[in-house]
């Protein structure tokens, strides 16, 4: 399904800036969240029961965490529906998902 002007960037905040729509994310946080159209379709199809999250560290020179948001398909296999890079993972940062 093609959506008009779909933007895969869910959230982007550089260091030392603020977001008007989410004041809980501190100025010292870097945040980038990406979800493709195909991933959005998987979320709509399989995301009604459970959504999983896995974070890993040490993947880059900046110390940012890579968080993958996943759903399970009909075979109970994980499908990544979004990726999220940030120097911190908490509910206020992940609220955009």
PDB file of N, CA and C in Angstrom:
ATOM      1  N   UNK A   1       0.840  -1.172   0.000  1.00  0.00           N
ATOM      2  CA  UNK A   1       0.000   0.000   0.000  1.00  0.00           C
ATOM      3  C   UNK A   1       0.892   1.244   0.000  1.00  0.00           C
ATOM      4  N   UNK A   2       0.760   2.085  -0.992  1.00  0.00           N
ATOM      5  CA  UNK A   2       1.555   3.298  -1.136  1.00  0.00           C
ATOM      6  C   UNK A   2       0.881   4.460  -0.417  1.00  0.00           C
ATOM      7  N   UNK A   3       1.600   5.069   0.505  1.00  0.00           N
ATOM      8  CA  UNK A   3       1.078   6.239   1.201  1.00  0.00           C
ATOM      9  C   UNK A   3       1.715   7.483   0.582  1.00  0.00           C
ATOM     10  N   UNK A   4       0.953   8.544   0.436  1.00  0.00           N
ATOM     11  CA  UNK A   4       1.489   9.777  -0.122  1.00  0.00           C
ATOM     12  C   UNK A   4       2.501  10.382   0.836  1.00  0.00           C
ATOM     13  N   UNK A   5       3.646  10.737   0.304  1.00  0.00           N
ATOM     14  CA  UNK A   5       4.721  11.420   1.028  1.00  0.00           C
ATOM     15  C   UNK A   5       5.031  10.792   2.390  1.00  0.00           C
ATOM     16  N   UNK A   6       5.214   9.494   2.410  1.00  0.00           N
ATOM     17  CA  UNK A   6       5.558   8.815   3.655  1.00  0.00           C
ATOM     18  C   UNK A   6       6.967   9.202   4.074  1.00  0.00           C
ATOM     19  N   UNK A   7       7.140   9.555   5.319  1.00  0.00           N
ATOM     20  CA  UNK A   7       8.448   9.900   5.860  1.00  0.00           C
ATOM     21  C   UNK A   7       8.872   8.799   6.826  1.00  0.00           C
ATOM     22  N   UNK A   8       9.934   8.052   6.513  1.00  0.00           N
ATOM     23  CA  UNK A   8      10.345   6.956   7.386  1.00  0.00           C
ATOM     24  C   UNK A   8      10.986   7.410   8.697  1.00  0.00           C
ATOM     25  N   UNK A   9      11.325   8.681   8.815  1.00  0.00           N
ATOM     26  CA  UNK A   9      11.940   9.188  10.040  1.00  0.00           C
ATOM     27  C   UNK A   9      10.836   9.511  11.038  1.00  0.00           C
ATOM     28  N   UNK A  10      10.757   8.697  12.090  1.00  0.00           N
ATOM     29  CA  UNK A  10       9.735   8.905  13.118  1.00  0.00           C
ATOM     30  C   UNK A  10      10.105  10.032  14.065  1.00  0.00           C
ATOM     31  N   UNK A  11      11.391  10.096  14.374  1.00  0.00           N
ATOM     32  CA  UNK A  11      11.882  11.124  15.285  1.00  0.00           C
ATOM     33  C   UNK A  11      13.348  11.376  14.964  1.00  0.00           C
ATOM     34  N   UNK A  12      13.740  12.640  15.019  1.00  0.00           N
ATOM     35  CA  UNK A  12      15.141  13.009  14.836  1.00  0.00           C
ATOM     36  C   UNK A  12      15.404  14.224  15.695  1.00  0.00           C
ATOM     37  N   UNK A  13      16.345  14.089  16.612  1.00  0.00           N
ATOM     38  CA  UNK A  13      16.722  15.205  17.474  1.00  0.00           C
ATOM     39  C   UNK A  13      18.224  15.185  17.654  1.00  0.00           C
ATOM     40  N   UNK A  14      18.868  16.268  17.271  1.00  0.00           N
ATOM     41  CA  UNK A  14      20.308  16.355  17.436  1.00  0.00           C
ATOM     42  C   UNK A  14      20.635  16.788  18.865  1.00  0.00           C
ATOM     43  N   UNK A  15      21.888  16.629  19.227  1.00  0.00           N
ATOM     44  CA  UNK A  15      22.336  17.060  20.551  1.00  0.00           C
ATOM     45  C   UNK A  15      22.143  18.567  20.714  1.00  0.00           C
ATOM     46  N   UNK A  16      21.910  18.991  21.930  1.00  0.00           N
ATOM     47  CA  UNK A  16      21.748  20.402  22.294  1.00  0.00           C
ATOM     48  C   UNK A  16      20.579  21.087  21.584  1.00  0.00           C
ATOM     49  N   UNK A  17      19.554  20.321  21.274  1.00  0.00           N
ATOM     50  CA  UNK A  17      18.322  20.893  20.729  1.00  0.00           C
ATOM     51  C   UNK A  17      17.162  20.366  21.561  1.00  0.00           C
ATOM     52  N   UNK A  18      15.975  20.844  21.278  1.00  0.00           N
ATOM     53  CA  UNK A  18      14.805  20.355  22.005  1.00  0.00           C
ATOM     54  C   UNK A  18      13.681  20.076  21.018  1.00  0.00           C
ATOM     55  N   UNK A  19      12.726  19.265  21.453  1.00  0.00           N
ATOM     56  CA  UNK A  19      11.550  18.949  20.649  1.00  0.00           C
ATOM     57  C   UNK A  19      10.328  19.568  21.309  1.00  0.00           C
ATOM     58  N   UNK A  20       9.612  20.374  20.567  1.00  0.00           N
ATOM     59  CA  UNK A  20       8.430  21.026  21.129  1.00  0.00           C
ATOM     60  C   UNK A  20       7.351  20.016  21.494  1.00  0.00           C
ATOM     61  N   UNK A  21       7.240  18.927  20.715  1.00  0.00           N
ATOM     62  CA  UNK A  21       6.181  17.944  20.971  1.00  0.00           C
ATOM     63  C   UNK A  21       6.580  16.889  21.998  1.00  0.00           C
ATOM     64  N   UNK A  22       7.815  16.926  22.494  1.00  0.00           N
ATOM     65  CA  UNK A  22       8.232  15.996  23.546  1.00  0.00           C
ATOM     66  C   UNK A  22       9.283  16.656  24.432  1.00  0.00           C
ATOM     67  N   UNK A  23       8.856  17.494  25.363  1.00  0.00           N
ATOM     68  CA  UNK A  23       9.809  18.195  26.226  1.00  0.00           C
ATOM     69  C   UNK A  23      10.531  17.281  27.218  1.00  0.00           C
ATOM     70  N   UNK A  24      10.088  16.030  27.373  1.00  0.00           N
ATOM     71  CA  UNK A  24      10.762  15.109  28.291  1.00  0.00           C
ATOM     72  C   UNK A  24      12.109  14.633  27.755  1.00  0.00           C
ATOM     73  N   UNK A  25      12.296  14.705  26.437  1.00  0.00           N
ATOM     74  CA  UNK A  25      13.591  14.339  25.868  1.00  0.00           C
ATOM     75  C   UNK A  25      14.540  15.506  26.106  1.00  0.00           C
ATOM     76  N   UNK A  26      15.590  15.251  26.841  1.00  0.00           N
ATOM     77  CA  UNK A  26      16.518  16.290  27.280  1.00  0.00           C
ATOM     78  C   UNK A  26      17.367  16.820  26.120  1.00  0.00           C
ATOM     79  N   UNK A  27      17.883  18.033  26.296  1.00  0.00           N
ATOM     80  CA  UNK A  27      18.725  18.647  25.270  1.00  0.00           C
ATOM     81  C   UNK A  27      19.974  17.821  24.993  1.00  0.00           C
ATOM     82  N   UNK A  28      20.476  17.113  25.995  1.00  0.00           N
ATOM     83  CA  UNK A  28      21.707  16.344  25.819  1.00  0.00           C
ATOM     84  C   UNK A  28      21.482  14.976  25.172  1.00  0.00           C
ATOM     85  N   UNK A  29      20.259  14.679  24.751  1.00  0.00           N
ATOM     86  CA  UNK A  29      19.954  13.401  24.101  1.00  0.00           C
ATOM     87  C   UNK A  29      20.002  13.522  22.587  1.00  0.00           C
ATOM     88  N   UNK A  30      20.590  12.504  21.954  1.00  0.00           N
ATOM     89  CA  UNK A  30      20.497  12.336  20.508  1.00  0.00           C
ATOM     90  C   UNK A  30      19.461  11.253  20.266  1.00  0.00           C
ATOM     91  N   UNK A  31      18.596  11.447  19.281  1.00  0.00           N
ATOM     92  CA  UNK A  31      17.524  10.493  19.019  1.00  0.00           C
ATOM     93  C   UNK A  31      17.251  10.420  17.522  1.00  0.00           C
ATOM     94  N   UNK A  32      17.222   9.195  16.987  1.00  0.00           N
ATOM     95  CA  UNK A  32      16.849   8.963  15.595  1.00  0.00           C
ATOM     96  C   UNK A  32      16.057   7.668  15.529  1.00  0.00           C
ATOM     97  N   UNK A  33      14.828   7.737  15.049  1.00  0.00           N
ATOM     98  CA  UNK A  33      13.976   6.562  14.898  1.00  0.00           C
ATOM     99  C   UNK A  33      13.492   6.441  13.465  1.00  0.00           C
ATOM    100  N   UNK A  34      13.605   5.236  12.893  1.00  0.00           N
ATOM    101  CA  UNK A  34      13.266   5.018  11.487  1.00  0.00           C
ATOM    102  C   UNK A  34      12.340   3.817  11.351  1.00  0.00           C
ATOM    103  N   UNK A  35      11.291   3.982  10.546  1.00  0.00           N
ATOM    104  CA  UNK A  35      10.369   2.892  10.218  1.00  0.00           C
ATOM    105  C   UNK A  35       9.968   3.041   8.749  1.00  0.00           C
ATOM    106  N   UNK A  36      10.244   2.020   7.946  1.00  0.00           N
ATOM    107  CA  UNK A  36       9.869   2.061   6.536  1.00  0.00           C
ATOM    108  C   UNK A  36       8.376   1.785   6.378  1.00  0.00           C
ATOM    109  N   UNK A  37       7.872   2.006   5.176  1.00  0.00           N
ATOM    110  CA  UNK A  37       6.463   1.709   4.910  1.00  0.00           C
ATOM    111  C   UNK A  37       6.161   0.232   5.099  1.00  0.00           C
ATOM    112  N   UNK A  38       7.066  -0.628   4.639  1.00  0.00           N
ATOM    113  CA  UNK A  38       6.862  -2.072   4.803  1.00  0.00           C
ATOM    114  C   UNK A  38       6.824  -2.440   6.282  1.00  0.00           C
ATOM    115  N   UNK A  39       7.694  -1.830   7.082  1.00  0.00           N
ATOM    116  CA  UNK A  39       7.692  -2.096   8.516  1.00  0.00           C
ATOM    117  C   UNK A  39       6.398  -1.615   9.159  1.00  0.00           C
ATOM    118  N   UNK A  40       5.883  -0.484   8.716  1.00  0.00           N
ATOM    119  CA  UNK A  40       4.605   0.007   9.233  1.00  0.00           C
ATOM    120  C   UNK A  40       3.486  -0.980   8.923  1.00  0.00           C
ATOM    121  N   UNK A  41       3.512  -1.557   7.738  1.00  0.00           N
ATOM    122  CA  UNK A  41       2.499  -2.550   7.383  1.00  0.00           C
ATOM    123  C   UNK A  41       2.600  -3.788   8.273  1.00  0.00           C
ATOM    124  N   UNK A  42       3.834  -4.227   8.585  1.00  0.00           N
ATOM    125  CA  UNK A  42       4.006  -5.351   9.514  1.00  0.00           C
ATOM    126  C   UNK A  42       3.461  -4.996  10.894  1.00  0.00           C
ATOM    127  N   UNK A  43       3.704  -3.774  11.343  1.00  0.00           N
ATOM    128  CA  UNK A  43       3.180  -3.333  12.640  1.00  0.00           C
ATOM    129  C   UNK A  43       1.656  -3.378  12.648  1.00  0.00           C
ATOM    130  N   UNK A  44       1.045  -2.865  11.592  1.00  0.00           N
ATOM    131  CA  UNK A  44      -0.417  -2.867  11.520  1.00  0.00           C
ATOM    132  C   UNK A  44      -0.978  -4.285  11.443  1.00  0.00           C
ATOM    133  N   UNK A  45      -0.255  -5.187  10.790  1.00  0.00           N
ATOM    134  CA  UNK A  45      -0.716  -6.556  10.605  1.00  0.00           C
ATOM    135  C   UNK A  45      -0.490  -7.421  11.844  1.00  0.00           C
ATOM    136  N   UNK A  46       0.678  -7.294  12.471  1.00  0.00           N
ATOM    137  CA  UNK A  46       1.047  -8.212  13.552  1.00  0.00           C
ATOM    138  C   UNK A  46       1.207  -7.552  14.925  1.00  0.00           C
ATOM    139  N   UNK A  47       1.069  -6.246  15.022  1.00  0.00           N
ATOM    140  CA  UNK A  47       1.375  -5.561  16.272  1.00  0.00           C
ATOM    141  C   UNK A  47       0.228  -5.414  17.243  1.00  0.00           C
ATOM    142  N   UNK A  48      -0.824  -6.164  17.068  1.00  0.00           N
ATOM    143  CA  UNK A  48      -1.986  -6.015  17.949  1.00  0.00           C
ATOM    144  C   UNK A  48      -1.821  -6.717  19.293  1.00  0.00           C
ATOM    145  N   UNK A  49      -1.026  -7.782  19.351  1.00  0.00           N
ATOM    146  CA  UNK A  49      -0.907  -8.560  20.582  1.00  0.00           C
ATOM    147  C   UNK A  49       0.323  -8.213  21.404  1.00  0.00           C
ATOM    148  N   UNK A  50       1.478  -8.194  20.762  1.00  0.00           N
ATOM    149  CA  UNK A  50       2.707  -7.969  21.520  1.00  0.00           C
ATOM    150  C   UNK A  50       3.731  -7.273  20.639  1.00  0.00           C
ATOM    151  N   UNK A  51       4.466  -6.370  21.245  1.00  0.00           N
ATOM    152  CA  UNK A  51       5.575  -5.694  20.582  1.00  0.00           C
ATOM    153  C   UNK A  51       6.804  -5.928  21.447  1.00  0.00           C
ATOM    154  N   UNK A  52       7.909  -6.310  20.812  1.00  0.00           N
ATOM    155  CA  UNK A  52       9.144  -6.617  21.535  1.00  0.00           C
ATOM    156  C   UNK A  52      10.178  -5.527  21.273  1.00  0.00           C
ATOM    157  N   UNK A  53      11.128  -5.436  22.180  1.00  0.00           N
ATOM    158  CA  UNK A  53      12.185  -4.451  22.049  1.00  0.00           C
ATOM    159  C   UNK A  53      13.501  -5.079  22.479  1.00  0.00           C
ATOM    160  N   UNK A  54      14.559  -4.802  21.731  1.00  0.00           N
ATOM    161  CA  UNK A  54      15.889  -5.288  22.082  1.00  0.00           C
ATOM    162  C   UNK A  54      16.884  -4.161  21.845  1.00  0.00           C
ATOM    163  N   UNK A  55      17.679  -3.863  22.849  1.00  0.00           N
ATOM    164  CA  UNK A  55      18.697  -2.819  22.722  1.00  0.00           C
ATOM    165  C   UNK A  55      20.078  -3.434  22.839  1.00  0.00           C
ATOM    166  N   UNK A  56      21.002  -2.880  22.092  1.00  0.00           N
ATOM    167  CA  UNK A  56      22.385  -3.333  22.155  1.00  0.00           C
ATOM    168  C   UNK A  56      23.291  -2.113  22.244  1.00  0.00           C
ATOM    169  N   UNK A  57      24.450  -2.302  22.804  1.00  0.00           N
ATOM    170  CA  UNK A  57      25.383  -1.187  22.954  1.00  0.00           C
ATOM    171  C   UNK A  57      26.726  -1.586  22.348  1.00  0.00           C
ATOM    172  N   UNK A  58      27.614  -0.632  22.225  1.00  0.00           N
ATOM    173  CA  UNK A  58      28.942  -0.903  21.693  1.00  0.00           C
ATOM    174  C   UNK A  58      28.972  -1.101  20.188  1.00  0.00           C
ATOM    175  N   UNK A  59      27.969  -0.605  19.479  1.00  0.00           N
ATOM    176  CA  UNK A  59      27.922  -0.797  18.029  1.00  0.00           C
ATOM    177  C   UNK A  59      28.523   0.379  17.263  1.00  0.00           C
ATOM    178  N   UNK A  60      28.901   1.452  17.975  1.00  0.00           N
ATOM    179  CA  UNK A  60      29.445   2.619  17.290  1.00  0.00           C
ATOM    180  C   UNK A  60      30.378   3.372  18.221  1.00  0.00           C
ATOM    181  N   UNK A  61      31.121   4.292  17.667  1.00  0.00           N
ATOM    182  CA  UNK A  61      32.127   5.025  18.436  1.00  0.00           C
ATOM    183  C   UNK A  61      31.538   6.060  19.385  1.00  0.00           C
ATOM    184  N   UNK A  62      30.257   6.363  19.266  1.00  0.00           N
ATOM    185  CA  UNK A  62      29.632   7.390  20.091  1.00  0.00           C
ATOM    186  C   UNK A  62      28.969   6.843  21.349  1.00  0.00           C
ATOM    187  N   UNK A  63      28.890   5.541  21.462  1.00  0.00           N
ATOM    188  CA  UNK A  63      28.239   4.941  22.616  1.00  0.00           C
ATOM    189  C   UNK A  63      26.726   4.945  22.537  1.00  0.00           C
ATOM    190  N   UNK A  64      26.175   5.229  21.358  1.00  0.00           N
ATOM    191  CA  UNK A  64      24.727   5.224  21.196  1.00  0.00           C
ATOM    192  C   UNK A  64      24.198   3.799  21.223  1.00  0.00           C
ATOM    193  N   UNK A  65      23.008   3.654  21.734  1.00  0.00           N
ATOM    194  CA  UNK A  65      22.333   2.360  21.756  1.00  0.00           C
ATOM    195  C   UNK A  65      21.562   2.159  20.462  1.00  0.00           C
ATOM    196  N   UNK A  66      21.555   0.938  19.978  1.00  0.00           N
ATOM    197  CA  UNK A  66      20.730   0.559  18.835  1.00  0.00           C
ATOM    198  C   UNK A  66      19.585  -0.268  19.386  1.00  0.00           C
ATOM    199  N   UNK A  67      18.378   0.227  19.243  1.00  0.00           N
ATOM    200  CA  UNK A  67      17.191  -0.467  19.732  1.00  0.00           C
ATOM    201  C   UNK A  67      16.354  -0.887  18.534  1.00  0.00           C
ATOM    202  N   UNK A  68      15.967  -2.146  18.518  1.00  0.00           N
ATOM    203  CA  UNK A  68      15.112  -2.676  17.466  1.00  0.00           C
ATOM    204  C   UNK A  68      13.751  -2.981  18.067  1.00  0.00           C
ATOM    205  N   UNK A  69      12.706  -2.475  17.441  1.00  0.00           N
ATOM    206  CA  UNK A  69      11.335  -2.765  17.846  1.00  0.00           C
ATOM    207  C   UNK A  69      10.834  -3.857  16.908  1.00  0.00           C
ATOM    208  N   UNK A  70      10.236  -4.922  17.467  1.00  0.00           N
ATOM    209  CA  UNK A  70       9.830  -6.076  16.668  1.00  0.00           C
ATOM    210  C   UNK A  70       8.416  -6.523  17.000  1.00  0.00           C
ATOM    211  N   UNK A  71       7.814  -7.223  16.046  1.00  0.00           N
ATOM    212  CA  UNK A  71       6.548  -7.925  16.248  1.00  0.00           C
ATOM    213  C   UNK A  71       6.772  -9.375  15.845  1.00  0.00           C
ATOM    214  N   UNK A  72       5.884 -10.252  16.243  1.00  0.00           N
ATOM    215  CA  UNK A  72       5.956 -11.663  15.851  1.00  0.00           C
ATOM    216  C   UNK A  72       4.953 -11.931  14.743  1.00  0.00           C
ATOM    217  N   UNK A  73       5.411 -12.659  13.710  1.00  0.00           N
ATOM    218  CA  UNK A  73       4.500 -13.018  12.627  1.00  0.00           C
ATOM    219  C   UNK A  73       3.705 -14.262  13.012  1.00  0.00           C
ATOM    220  N   UNK A  74       2.965 -14.819  12.060  1.00  0.00           N
ATOM    221  CA  UNK A  74       2.128 -15.988  12.341  1.00  0.00           C
ATOM    222  C   UNK A  74       2.935 -17.221  12.731  1.00  0.00           C
ATOM    223  N   UNK A  75       4.226 -17.251  12.370  1.00  0.00           N
ATOM    224  CA  UNK A  75       5.106 -18.367  12.738  1.00  0.00           C
ATOM    225  C   UNK A  75       5.898 -18.067  14.005  1.00  0.00           C
ATOM    226  N   UNK A  76       5.543 -16.989  14.691  1.00  0.00           N
ATOM    227  CA  UNK A  76       6.193 -16.562  15.935  1.00  0.00           C
ATOM    228  C   UNK A  76       7.654 -16.186  15.722  1.00  0.00           C
ATOM    229  N   UNK A  77       7.972 -15.719  14.525  1.00  0.00           N
ATOM    230  CA  UNK A  77       9.312 -15.227  14.238  1.00  0.00           C
ATOM    231  C   UNK A  77       9.298 -13.708  14.311  1.00  0.00           C
ATOM    232  N   UNK A  78      10.376 -13.140  14.831  1.00  0.00           N
ATOM    233  CA  UNK A  78      10.449 -11.701  15.002  1.00  0.00           C
ATOM    234  C   UNK A  78      10.658 -10.962  13.700  1.00  0.00           C
ATOM    235  N   UNK A  79       9.886  -9.913  13.503  1.00  0.00           N
ATOM    236  CA  UNK A  79      10.026  -9.028  12.351  1.00  0.00           C
ATOM    237  C   UNK A  79      10.365  -7.633  12.865  1.00  0.00           C
ATOM    238  N   UNK A  80      11.503  -7.074  12.467  1.00  0.00           N
ATOM    239  CA  UNK A  80      11.828  -5.718  12.916  1.00  0.00           C
ATOM    240  C   UNK A  80      10.896  -4.708  12.261  1.00  0.00           C
ATOM    241  N   UNK A  81      10.296  -3.864  13.068  1.00  0.00           N
ATOM    242  CA  UNK A  81       9.381  -2.857  12.525  1.00  0.00           C
ATOM    243  C   UNK A  81       9.936  -1.444  12.647  1.00  0.00           C
ATOM    244  N   UNK A  82      11.011  -1.267  13.393  1.00  0.00           N
ATOM    245  CA  UNK A  82      11.631   0.050  13.508  1.00  0.00           C
ATOM    246  C   UNK A  82      13.001  -0.102  14.151  1.00  0.00           C
ATOM    247  N   UNK A  83      13.883   0.842  13.838  1.00  0.00           N
ATOM    248  CA  UNK A  83      15.170   0.925  14.524  1.00  0.00           C
ATOM    249  C   UNK A  83      15.276   2.306  15.140  1.00  0.00           C
ATOM    250  N   UNK A  84      16.025   2.361  16.209  1.00  0.00           N
ATOM    251  CA  UNK A  84      16.084   3.560  17.015  1.00  0.00           C
ATOM    252  C   UNK A  84      17.503   3.703  17.550  1.00  0.00           C
ATOM    253  N   UNK A  85      18.137   4.839  17.285  1.00  0.00           N
ATOM    254  CA  UNK A  85      19.471   5.136  17.807  1.00  0.00           C
ATOM    255  C   UNK A  85      19.334   6.256  18.819  1.00  0.00           C
ATOM    256  N   UNK A  86      19.960   6.072  19.977  1.00  0.00           N
ATOM    257  CA  UNK A  86      19.902   7.114  20.992  1.00  0.00           C
ATOM    258  C   UNK A  86      21.013   6.891  22.007  1.00  0.00           C
ATOM    259  N   UNK A  87      21.377   7.943  22.692  1.00  0.00           N
ATOM    260  CA  UNK A  87      22.347   7.796  23.768  1.00  0.00           C
ATOM    261  C   UNK A  87      21.667   7.368  25.069  1.00  0.00           C
ATOM    262  N   UNK A  88      20.344   7.167  25.014  1.00  0.00           N
ATOM    263  CA  UNK A  88      19.598   6.760  26.202  1.00  0.00           C
ATOM    264  C   UNK A  88      18.299   6.098  25.755  1.00  0.00           C
ATOM    265  N   UNK A  89      17.901   5.038  26.446  1.00  0.00           N
ATOM    266  CA  UNK A  89      16.641   4.358  26.142  1.00  0.00           C
ATOM    267  C   UNK A  89      15.761   4.412  27.385  1.00  0.00           C
ATOM    268  N   UNK A  90      14.618   5.082  27.254  1.00  0.00           N
ATOM    269  CA  UNK A  90      13.654   5.170  28.350  1.00  0.00           C
ATOM    270  C   UNK A  90      12.274   5.406  27.749  1.00  0.00           C
ATOM    271  N   UNK A  91      11.263   5.358  28.572  1.00  0.00           N
ATOM    272  CA  UNK A  91       9.895   5.487  28.061  1.00  0.00           C
ATOM    273  C   UNK A  91       9.646   6.848  27.420  1.00  0.00           C
ATOM    274  N   UNK A  92      10.224   7.918  27.954  1.00  0.00           N
ATOM    275  CA  UNK A  92       9.991   9.230  27.348  1.00  0.00           C
ATOM    276  C   UNK A  92      10.655   9.347  25.980  1.00  0.00           C
ATOM    277  N   UNK A  93      11.789   8.680  25.786  1.00  0.00           N
ATOM    278  CA  UNK A  93      12.462   8.693  24.494  1.00  0.00           C
ATOM    279  C   UNK A  93      11.732   7.798  23.499  1.00  0.00           C
ATOM    280  N   UNK A  94      11.251   6.643  23.947  1.00  0.00           N
ATOM    281  CA  UNK A  94      10.588   5.682  23.065  1.00  0.00           C
ATOM    282  C   UNK A  94       9.108   5.981  22.840  1.00  0.00           C
ATOM    283  N   UNK A  95       8.598   7.031  23.419  1.00  0.00           N
ATOM    284  CA  UNK A  95       7.183   7.378  23.296  1.00  0.00           C
ATOM    285  C   UNK A  95       6.737   7.541  21.845  1.00  0.00           C
ATOM    286  N   UNK A  96       7.629   7.921  20.951  1.00  0.00           N
ATOM    287  CA  UNK A  96       7.266   8.125  19.545  1.00  0.00           C
ATOM    288  C   UNK A  96       6.942   6.825  18.832  1.00  0.00           C
ATOM    289  N   UNK A  97       7.346   5.709  19.403  1.00  0.00           N
ATOM    290  CA  UNK A  97       7.023   4.412  18.817  1.00  0.00           C
ATOM    291  C   UNK A  97       5.678   3.969  19.316  1.00  0.00           C
TER     292      UNK A  97
END
